[in-house]
């Protein structure tokens, strides 16, 4: 666990120990989800197909279903920008 401070432009810095644990990269997009008085940060992978495969595990999808899922995830991410 680490503590970070919100600066005057409402930015936070992810401490080095946390960056190493979650393997975050410069320029990587992060989804922020408000939960009451907390915020959950989710690292977004650049390769959505790979992220879906990792998330779904052993569930196999057809190419068209996977494309629809990728489009849906992109739309939801853009809505949150």
PDB file of N, CA and C in Angstrom:
ATOM      1  N   UNK A   1       0.853  -1.173   0.000  1.00  0.00           N
ATOM      2  CA  UNK A   1       0.000   0.000   0.000  1.00  0.00           C
ATOM      3  C   UNK A   1       0.896   1.233   0.000  1.00  0.00           C
ATOM      4  N   UNK A   2       0.476   2.233  -0.744  1.00  0.00           N
ATOM      5  CA  UNK A   2       1.201   3.499  -0.819  1.00  0.00           C
ATOM      6  C   UNK A   2       0.203   4.640  -0.751  1.00  0.00           C
ATOM      7  N   UNK A   3       0.706   5.805  -0.410  1.00  0.00           N
ATOM      8  CA  UNK A   3      -0.132   7.002  -0.348  1.00  0.00           C
ATOM      9  C   UNK A   3       0.402   7.992  -1.366  1.00  0.00           C
ATOM     10  N   UNK A   4      -0.513   8.614  -2.108  1.00  0.00           N
ATOM     11  CA  UNK A   4      -0.164   9.624  -3.090  1.00  0.00           C
ATOM     12  C   UNK A   4      -1.002  10.856  -2.820  1.00  0.00           C
ATOM     13  N   UNK A   5      -0.530  12.006  -3.254  1.00  0.00           N
ATOM     14  CA  UNK A   5      -1.217  13.267  -3.003  1.00  0.00           C
ATOM     15  C   UNK A   5      -1.767  13.835  -4.309  1.00  0.00           C
ATOM     16  N   UNK A   6      -2.945  14.387  -4.274  1.00  0.00           N
ATOM     17  CA  UNK A   6      -3.554  15.047  -5.437  1.00  0.00           C
ATOM     18  C   UNK A   6      -2.925  16.434  -5.547  1.00  0.00           C
ATOM     19  N   UNK A   7      -2.384  16.762  -6.735  1.00  0.00           N
ATOM     20  CA  UNK A   7      -1.749  18.074  -6.882  1.00  0.00           C
ATOM     21  C   UNK A   7      -2.776  19.142  -7.273  1.00  0.00           C
ATOM     22  N   UNK A   8      -2.301  20.359  -7.523  1.00  0.00           N
ATOM     23  CA  UNK A   8      -3.198  21.489  -7.804  1.00  0.00           C
ATOM     24  C   UNK A   8      -3.983  21.328  -9.103  1.00  0.00           C
ATOM     25  N   UNK A   9      -3.535  20.417  -9.992  1.00  0.00           N
ATOM     26  CA  UNK A   9      -4.261  20.151 -11.235  1.00  0.00           C
ATOM     27  C   UNK A   9      -5.023  18.831 -11.153  1.00  0.00           C
ATOM     28  N   UNK A  10      -5.260  18.342  -9.937  1.00  0.00           N
ATOM     29  CA  UNK A  10      -6.008  17.111  -9.656  1.00  0.00           C
ATOM     30  C   UNK A  10      -5.337  15.865 -10.221  1.00  0.00           C
ATOM     31  N   UNK A  11      -4.032  15.873 -10.342  1.00  0.00           N
ATOM     32  CA  UNK A  11      -3.285  14.710 -10.809  1.00  0.00           C
ATOM     33  C   UNK A  11      -2.720  13.969  -9.612  1.00  0.00           C
ATOM     34  N   UNK A  12      -2.540  12.666  -9.804  1.00  0.00           N
ATOM     35  CA  UNK A  12      -1.854  11.875  -8.788  1.00  0.00           C
ATOM     36  C   UNK A  12      -0.687  11.163  -9.457  1.00  0.00           C
ATOM     37  N   UNK A  13       0.307  10.829  -8.676  1.00  0.00           N
ATOM     38  CA  UNK A  13       1.434  10.050  -9.165  1.00  0.00           C
ATOM     39  C   UNK A  13       1.308   8.651  -8.590  1.00  0.00           C
ATOM     40  N   UNK A  14       1.439   7.653  -9.450  1.00  0.00           N
ATOM     41  CA  UNK A  14       1.426   6.271  -8.976  1.00  0.00           C
ATOM     42  C   UNK A  14       2.833   5.972  -8.461  1.00  0.00           C
ATOM     43  N   UNK A  15       2.969   5.669  -7.182  1.00  0.00           N
ATOM     44  CA  UNK A  15       4.301   5.426  -6.618  1.00  0.00           C
ATOM     45  C   UNK A  15       5.028   4.272  -7.317  1.00  0.00           C
ATOM     46  N   UNK A  16       6.356   4.351  -7.307  1.00  0.00           N
ATOM     47  CA  UNK A  16       7.189   3.385  -8.023  1.00  0.00           C
ATOM     48  C   UNK A  16       6.907   1.943  -7.614  1.00  0.00           C
ATOM     49  N   UNK A  17       6.731   1.692  -6.312  1.00  0.00           N
ATOM     50  CA  UNK A  17       6.496   0.310  -5.882  1.00  0.00           C
ATOM     51  C   UNK A  17       5.213  -0.250  -6.478  1.00  0.00           C
ATOM     52  N   UNK A  18       4.176   0.582  -6.586  1.00  0.00           N
ATOM     53  CA  UNK A  18       2.904   0.149  -7.177  1.00  0.00           C
ATOM     54  C   UNK A  18       3.067  -0.030  -8.686  1.00  0.00           C
ATOM     55  N   UNK A  19       3.775   0.901  -9.350  1.00  0.00           N
ATOM     56  CA  UNK A  19       4.007   0.786 -10.801  1.00  0.00           C
ATOM     57  C   UNK A  19       4.690  -0.525 -11.139  1.00  0.00           C
ATOM     58  N   UNK A  20       5.642  -0.921 -10.324  1.00  0.00           N
ATOM     59  CA  UNK A  20       6.366  -2.164 -10.584  1.00  0.00           C
ATOM     60  C   UNK A  20       5.462  -3.383 -10.365  1.00  0.00           C
ATOM     61  N   UNK A  21       4.637  -3.347  -9.349  1.00  0.00           N
ATOM     62  CA  UNK A  21       3.761  -4.480  -9.052  1.00  0.00           C
ATOM     63  C   UNK A  21       2.757  -4.716 -10.176  1.00  0.00           C
ATOM     64  N   UNK A  22       2.140  -3.626 -10.669  1.00  0.00           N
ATOM     65  CA  UNK A  22       1.082  -3.774 -11.684  1.00  0.00           C
ATOM     66  C   UNK A  22       1.599  -3.600 -13.101  1.00  0.00           C
ATOM     67  N   UNK A  23       2.899  -3.257 -13.245  1.00  0.00           N
ATOM     68  CA  UNK A  23       3.533  -3.131 -14.550  1.00  0.00           C
ATOM     69  C   UNK A  23       2.856  -2.082 -15.437  1.00  0.00           C
ATOM     70  N   UNK A  24       2.584  -0.910 -14.859  1.00  0.00           N
ATOM     71  CA  UNK A  24       1.977   0.178 -15.622  1.00  0.00           C
ATOM     72  C   UNK A  24       3.057   0.858 -16.467  1.00  0.00           C
ATOM     73  N   UNK A  25       2.670   1.297 -17.652  1.00  0.00           N
ATOM     74  CA  UNK A  25       3.596   1.941 -18.589  1.00  0.00           C
ATOM     75  C   UNK A  25       3.218   3.412 -18.774  1.00  0.00           C
ATOM     76  N   UNK A  26       4.195   4.254 -19.114  1.00  0.00           N
ATOM     77  CA  UNK A  26       3.916   5.658 -19.418  1.00  0.00           C
ATOM     78  C   UNK A  26       2.955   5.728 -20.593  1.00  0.00           C
ATOM     79  N   UNK A  27       1.949   6.573 -20.489  1.00  0.00           N
ATOM     80  CA  UNK A  27       0.980   6.746 -21.568  1.00  0.00           C
ATOM     81  C   UNK A  27      -0.139   5.722 -21.580  1.00  0.00           C
ATOM     82  N   UNK A  28      -0.060   4.714 -20.709  1.00  0.00           N
ATOM     83  CA  UNK A  28      -1.106   3.688 -20.662  1.00  0.00           C
ATOM     84  C   UNK A  28      -2.400   4.299 -20.134  1.00  0.00           C
ATOM     85  N   UNK A  29      -3.513   3.915 -20.717  1.00  0.00           N
ATOM     86  CA  UNK A  29      -4.807   4.415 -20.267  1.00  0.00           C
ATOM     87  C   UNK A  29      -5.261   3.632 -19.038  1.00  0.00           C
ATOM     88  N   UNK A  30      -5.908   4.361 -18.142  1.00  0.00           N
ATOM     89  CA  UNK A  30      -6.415   3.777 -16.910  1.00  0.00           C
ATOM     90  C   UNK A  30      -7.875   4.184 -16.769  1.00  0.00           C
ATOM     91  N   UNK A  31      -8.731   3.216 -16.492  1.00  0.00           N
ATOM     92  CA  UNK A  31     -10.142   3.496 -16.252  1.00  0.00           C
ATOM     93  C   UNK A  31     -10.314   3.768 -14.759  1.00  0.00           C
ATOM     94  N   UNK A  32     -10.997   4.863 -14.427  1.00  0.00           N
ATOM     95  CA  UNK A  32     -11.270   5.207 -13.036  1.00  0.00           C
ATOM     96  C   UNK A  32     -12.750   4.969 -12.762  1.00  0.00           C
ATOM     97  N   UNK A  33     -13.028   4.195 -11.733  1.00  0.00           N
ATOM     98  CA  UNK A  33     -14.407   3.860 -11.396  1.00  0.00           C
ATOM     99  C   UNK A  33     -14.697   4.354  -9.987  1.00  0.00           C
ATOM    100  N   UNK A  34     -15.613   5.342  -9.859  1.00  0.00           N
ATOM    101  CA  UNK A  34     -15.959   5.818  -8.515  1.00  0.00           C
ATOM    102  C   UNK A  34     -16.775   4.775  -7.765  1.00  0.00           C
ATOM    103  N   UNK A  35     -16.445   4.565  -6.503  1.00  0.00           N
ATOM    104  CA  UNK A  35     -17.160   3.604  -5.651  1.00  0.00           C
ATOM    105  C   UNK A  35     -17.318   4.240  -4.275  1.00  0.00           C
ATOM    106  N   UNK A  36     -18.438   4.939  -4.104  1.00  0.00           N
ATOM    107  CA  UNK A  36     -18.653   5.642  -2.838  1.00  0.00           C
ATOM    108  C   UNK A  36     -17.586   6.707  -2.664  1.00  0.00           C
ATOM    109  N   UNK A  37     -16.819   6.631  -1.573  1.00  0.00           N
ATOM    110  CA  UNK A  37     -15.760   7.611  -1.351  1.00  0.00           C
ATOM    111  C   UNK A  37     -14.392   7.072  -1.780  1.00  0.00           C
ATOM    112  N   UNK A  38     -14.393   6.047  -2.639  1.00  0.00           N
ATOM    113  CA  UNK A  38     -13.160   5.454  -3.154  1.00  0.00           C
ATOM    114  C   UNK A  38     -13.135   5.503  -4.678  1.00  0.00           C
ATOM    115  N   UNK A  39     -11.970   5.276  -5.241  1.00  0.00           N
ATOM    116  CA  UNK A  39     -11.805   5.193  -6.698  1.00  0.00           C
ATOM    117  C   UNK A  39     -11.030   3.922  -7.003  1.00  0.00           C
ATOM    118  N   UNK A  40     -11.561   3.116  -7.905  1.00  0.00           N
ATOM    119  CA  UNK A  40     -10.851   1.929  -8.369  1.00  0.00           C
ATOM    120  C   UNK A  40     -10.193   2.264  -9.694  1.00  0.00           C
ATOM    121  N   UNK A  41      -8.914   1.947  -9.829  1.00  0.00           N
ATOM    122  CA  UNK A  41      -8.177   2.172 -11.069  1.00  0.00           C
ATOM    123  C   UNK A  41      -8.000   0.841 -11.773  1.00  0.00           C
ATOM    124  N   UNK A  42      -8.324   0.799 -13.062  1.00  0.00           N
ATOM    125  CA  UNK A  42      -8.146  -0.411 -13.853  1.00  0.00           C
ATOM    126  C   UNK A  42      -7.262  -0.080 -15.043  1.00  0.00           C
ATOM    127  N   UNK A  43      -6.147  -0.795 -15.157  1.00  0.00           N
ATOM    128  CA  UNK A  43      -5.247  -0.583 -16.288  1.00  0.00           C
ATOM    129  C   UNK A  43      -5.888  -1.155 -17.539  1.00  0.00           C
ATOM    130  N   UNK A  44      -5.927  -0.368 -18.597  1.00  0.00           N
ATOM    131  CA  UNK A  44      -6.476  -0.836 -19.863  1.00  0.00           C
ATOM    132  C   UNK A  44      -5.332  -1.304 -20.749  1.00  0.00           C
ATOM    133  N   UNK A  45      -5.471  -2.472 -21.298  1.00  0.00           N
ATOM    134  CA  UNK A  45      -4.451  -3.009 -22.195  1.00  0.00           C
ATOM    135  C   UNK A  45      -4.650  -2.412 -23.584  1.00  0.00           C
ATOM    136  N   UNK A  46      -3.557  -2.234 -24.289  1.00  0.00           N
ATOM    137  CA  UNK A  46      -3.642  -1.700 -25.646  1.00  0.00           C
ATOM    138  C   UNK A  46      -4.271  -2.707 -26.586  1.00  0.00           C
ATOM    139  N   UNK A  47      -3.998  -3.963 -26.371  1.00  0.00           N
ATOM    140  CA  UNK A  47      -4.534  -5.017 -27.219  1.00  0.00           C
ATOM    141  C   UNK A  47      -5.796  -5.576 -26.561  1.00  0.00           C
ATOM    142  N   UNK A  48      -6.961  -5.080 -26.980  1.00  0.00           N
ATOM    143  CA  UNK A  48      -8.217  -5.503 -26.361  1.00  0.00           C
ATOM    144  C   UNK A  48      -8.487  -6.982 -26.540  1.00  0.00           C
ATOM    145  N   UNK A  49      -8.079  -7.526 -27.658  1.00  0.00           N
ATOM    146  CA  UNK A  49      -8.291  -8.951 -27.890  1.00  0.00           C
ATOM    147  C   UNK A  49      -7.557  -9.775 -26.836  1.00  0.00           C
ATOM    148  N   UNK A  50      -6.336  -9.382 -26.552  1.00  0.00           N
ATOM    149  CA  UNK A  50      -5.543 -10.065 -25.531  1.00  0.00           C
ATOM    150  C   UNK A  50      -6.188  -9.897 -24.150  1.00  0.00           C
ATOM    151  N   UNK A  51      -6.674  -8.701 -23.867  1.00  0.00           N
ATOM    152  CA  UNK A  51      -7.313  -8.447 -22.581  1.00  0.00           C
ATOM    153  C   UNK A  51      -8.579  -9.279 -22.421  1.00  0.00           C
ATOM    154  N   UNK A  52      -9.367  -9.385 -23.499  1.00  0.00           N
ATOM    155  CA  UNK A  52     -10.577 -10.204 -23.433  1.00  0.00           C
ATOM    156  C   UNK A  52     -10.235 -11.671 -23.217  1.00  0.00           C
ATOM    157  N   UNK A  53      -9.213 -12.154 -23.910  1.00  0.00           N
ATOM    158  CA  UNK A  53      -8.790 -13.547 -23.735  1.00  0.00           C
ATOM    159  C   UNK A  53      -8.397 -13.811 -22.287  1.00  0.00           C
ATOM    160  N   UNK A  54      -7.650 -12.874 -21.711  1.00  0.00           N
ATOM    161  CA  UNK A  54      -7.208 -13.027 -20.327  1.00  0.00           C
ATOM    162  C   UNK A  54      -8.400 -12.994 -19.373  1.00  0.00           C
ATOM    163  N   UNK A  55      -9.326 -12.078 -19.628  1.00  0.00           N
ATOM    164  CA  UNK A  55     -10.503 -11.931 -18.768  1.00  0.00           C
ATOM    165  C   UNK A  55     -11.423 -13.146 -18.854  1.00  0.00           C
ATOM    166  N   UNK A  56     -11.631 -13.653 -20.068  1.00  0.00           N
ATOM    167  CA  UNK A  56     -12.581 -14.753 -20.271  1.00  0.00           C
ATOM    168  C   UNK A  56     -11.985 -16.128 -19.978  1.00  0.00           C
ATOM    169  N   UNK A  57     -10.676 -16.211 -19.926  1.00  0.00           N
ATOM    170  CA  UNK A  57     -10.046 -17.490 -19.602  1.00  0.00           C
ATOM    171  C   UNK A  57     -10.323 -18.546 -20.654  1.00  0.00           C
ATOM    172  N   UNK A  58     -10.940 -19.656 -20.244  1.00  0.00           N
ATOM    173  CA  UNK A  58     -11.169 -20.798 -21.133  1.00  0.00           C
ATOM    174  C   UNK A  58     -12.394 -20.655 -22.038  1.00  0.00           C
ATOM    175  N   UNK A  59     -13.157 -19.584 -21.877  1.00  0.00           N
ATOM    176  CA  UNK A  59     -14.347 -19.399 -22.711  1.00  0.00           C
ATOM    177  C   UNK A  59     -13.896 -19.025 -24.119  1.00  0.00           C
ATOM    178  N   UNK A  60     -14.365 -19.763 -25.105  1.00  0.00           N
ATOM    179  CA  UNK A  60     -13.984 -19.503 -26.497  1.00  0.00           C
ATOM    180  C   UNK A  60     -15.101 -18.732 -27.193  1.00  0.00           C
ATOM    181  N   UNK A  61     -14.713 -17.738 -27.976  1.00  0.00           N
ATOM    182  CA  UNK A  61     -15.673 -16.911 -28.705  1.00  0.00           C
ATOM    183  C   UNK A  61     -15.361 -16.955 -30.189  1.00  0.00           C
ATOM    184  N   UNK A  62     -16.409 -16.769 -30.992  1.00  0.00           N
ATOM    185  CA  UNK A  62     -16.172 -16.641 -32.426  1.00  0.00           C
ATOM    186  C   UNK A  62     -15.532 -15.282 -32.691  1.00  0.00           C
ATOM    187  N   UNK A  63     -14.906 -15.142 -33.827  1.00  0.00           N
ATOM    188  CA  UNK A  63     -14.257 -13.883 -34.182  1.00  0.00           C
ATOM    189  C   UNK A  63     -15.240 -12.716 -34.181  1.00  0.00           C
ATOM    190  N   UNK A  64     -16.451 -12.933 -34.709  1.00  0.00           N
ATOM    191  CA  UNK A  64     -17.426 -11.833 -34.775  1.00  0.00           C
ATOM    192  C   UNK A  64     -17.898 -11.421 -33.381  1.00  0.00           C
ATOM    193  N   UNK A  65     -18.086 -12.368 -32.489  1.00  0.00           N
ATOM    194  CA  UNK A  65     -18.497 -12.042 -31.119  1.00  0.00           C
ATOM    195  C   UNK A  65     -17.376 -11.290 -30.408  1.00  0.00           C
ATOM    196  N   UNK A  66     -16.142 -11.715 -30.652  1.00  0.00           N
ATOM    197  CA  UNK A  66     -15.009 -11.041 -30.024  1.00  0.00           C
ATOM    198  C   UNK A  66     -14.901  -9.596 -30.524  1.00  0.00           C
ATOM    199  N   UNK A  67     -15.120  -9.374 -31.823  1.00  0.00           N
ATOM    200  CA  UNK A  67     -15.088  -8.011 -32.374  1.00  0.00           C
ATOM    201  C   UNK A  67     -16.166  -7.140 -31.748  1.00  0.00           C
ATOM    202  N   UNK A  68     -17.375  -7.701 -31.594  1.00  0.00           N
ATOM    203  CA  UNK A  68     -18.462  -6.947 -30.968  1.00  0.00           C
ATOM    204  C   UNK A  68     -18.101  -6.578 -29.532  1.00  0.00           C
ATOM    205  N   UNK A  69     -17.505  -7.502 -28.817  1.00  0.00           N
ATOM    206  CA  UNK A  69     -17.101  -7.244 -27.432  1.00  0.00           C
ATOM    207  C   UNK A  69     -16.032  -6.154 -27.378  1.00  0.00           C
ATOM    208  N   UNK A  70     -15.069  -6.188 -28.306  1.00  0.00           N
ATOM    209  CA  UNK A  70     -14.021  -5.173 -28.357  1.00  0.00           C
ATOM    210  C   UNK A  70     -14.621  -3.793 -28.624  1.00  0.00           C
ATOM    211  N   UNK A  71     -15.561  -3.712 -29.575  1.00  0.00           N
ATOM    212  CA  UNK A  71     -16.206  -2.432 -29.878  1.00  0.00           C
ATOM    213  C   UNK A  71     -16.960  -1.910 -28.656  1.00  0.00           C
ATOM    214  N   UNK A  72     -17.651  -2.800 -27.960  1.00  0.00           N
ATOM    215  CA  UNK A  72     -18.414  -2.414 -26.768  1.00  0.00           C
ATOM    216  C   UNK A  72     -17.480  -1.853 -25.691  1.00  0.00           C
ATOM    217  N   UNK A  73     -16.358  -2.531 -25.447  1.00  0.00           N
ATOM    218  CA  UNK A  73     -15.410  -2.075 -24.431  1.00  0.00           C
ATOM    219  C   UNK A  73     -14.840  -0.713 -24.813  1.00  0.00           C
ATOM    220  N   UNK A  74     -14.495  -0.519 -26.087  1.00  0.00           N
ATOM    221  CA  UNK A  74     -13.977   0.772 -26.545  1.00  0.00           C
ATOM    222  C   UNK A  74     -15.000   1.883 -26.370  1.00  0.00           C
ATOM    223  N   UNK A  75     -16.251   1.608 -26.716  1.00  0.00           N
ATOM    224  CA  UNK A  75     -17.305   2.608 -26.557  1.00  0.00           C
ATOM    225  C   UNK A  75     -17.459   3.005 -25.096  1.00  0.00           C
ATOM    226  N   UNK A  76     -17.466   2.016 -24.209  1.00  0.00           N
ATOM    227  CA  UNK A  76     -17.621   2.296 -22.771  1.00  0.00           C
ATOM    228  C   UNK A  76     -16.430   3.088 -22.241  1.00  0.00           C
ATOM    229  N   UNK A  77     -15.236   2.762 -22.697  1.00  0.00           N
ATOM    230  CA  UNK A  77     -14.048   3.487 -22.262  1.00  0.00           C
ATOM    231  C   UNK A  77     -14.100   4.941 -22.747  1.00  0.00           C
ATOM    232  N   UNK A  78     -14.558   5.154 -23.990  1.00  0.00           N
ATOM    233  CA  UNK A  78     -14.643   6.519 -24.527  1.00  0.00           C
ATOM    234  C   UNK A  78     -15.698   7.333 -23.798  1.00  0.00           C
ATOM    235  N   UNK A  79     -16.798   6.689 -23.383  1.00  0.00           N
ATOM    236  CA  UNK A  79     -17.841   7.386 -22.636  1.00  0.00           C
ATOM    237  C   UNK A  79     -17.309   7.920 -21.308  1.00  0.00           C
ATOM    238  N   UNK A  80     -16.317   7.252 -20.760  1.00  0.00           N
ATOM    239  CA  UNK A  80     -15.769   7.635 -19.458  1.00  0.00           C
ATOM    240  C   UNK A  80     -14.652   8.666 -19.570  1.00  0.00           C
ATOM    241  N   UNK A  81     -14.212   8.998 -20.800  1.00  0.00           N
ATOM    242  CA  UNK A  81     -13.122   9.980 -20.973  1.00  0.00           C
ATOM    243  C   UNK A  81     -13.606  11.366 -20.677  1.00  0.00           C
TER     244      UNK A  81
END
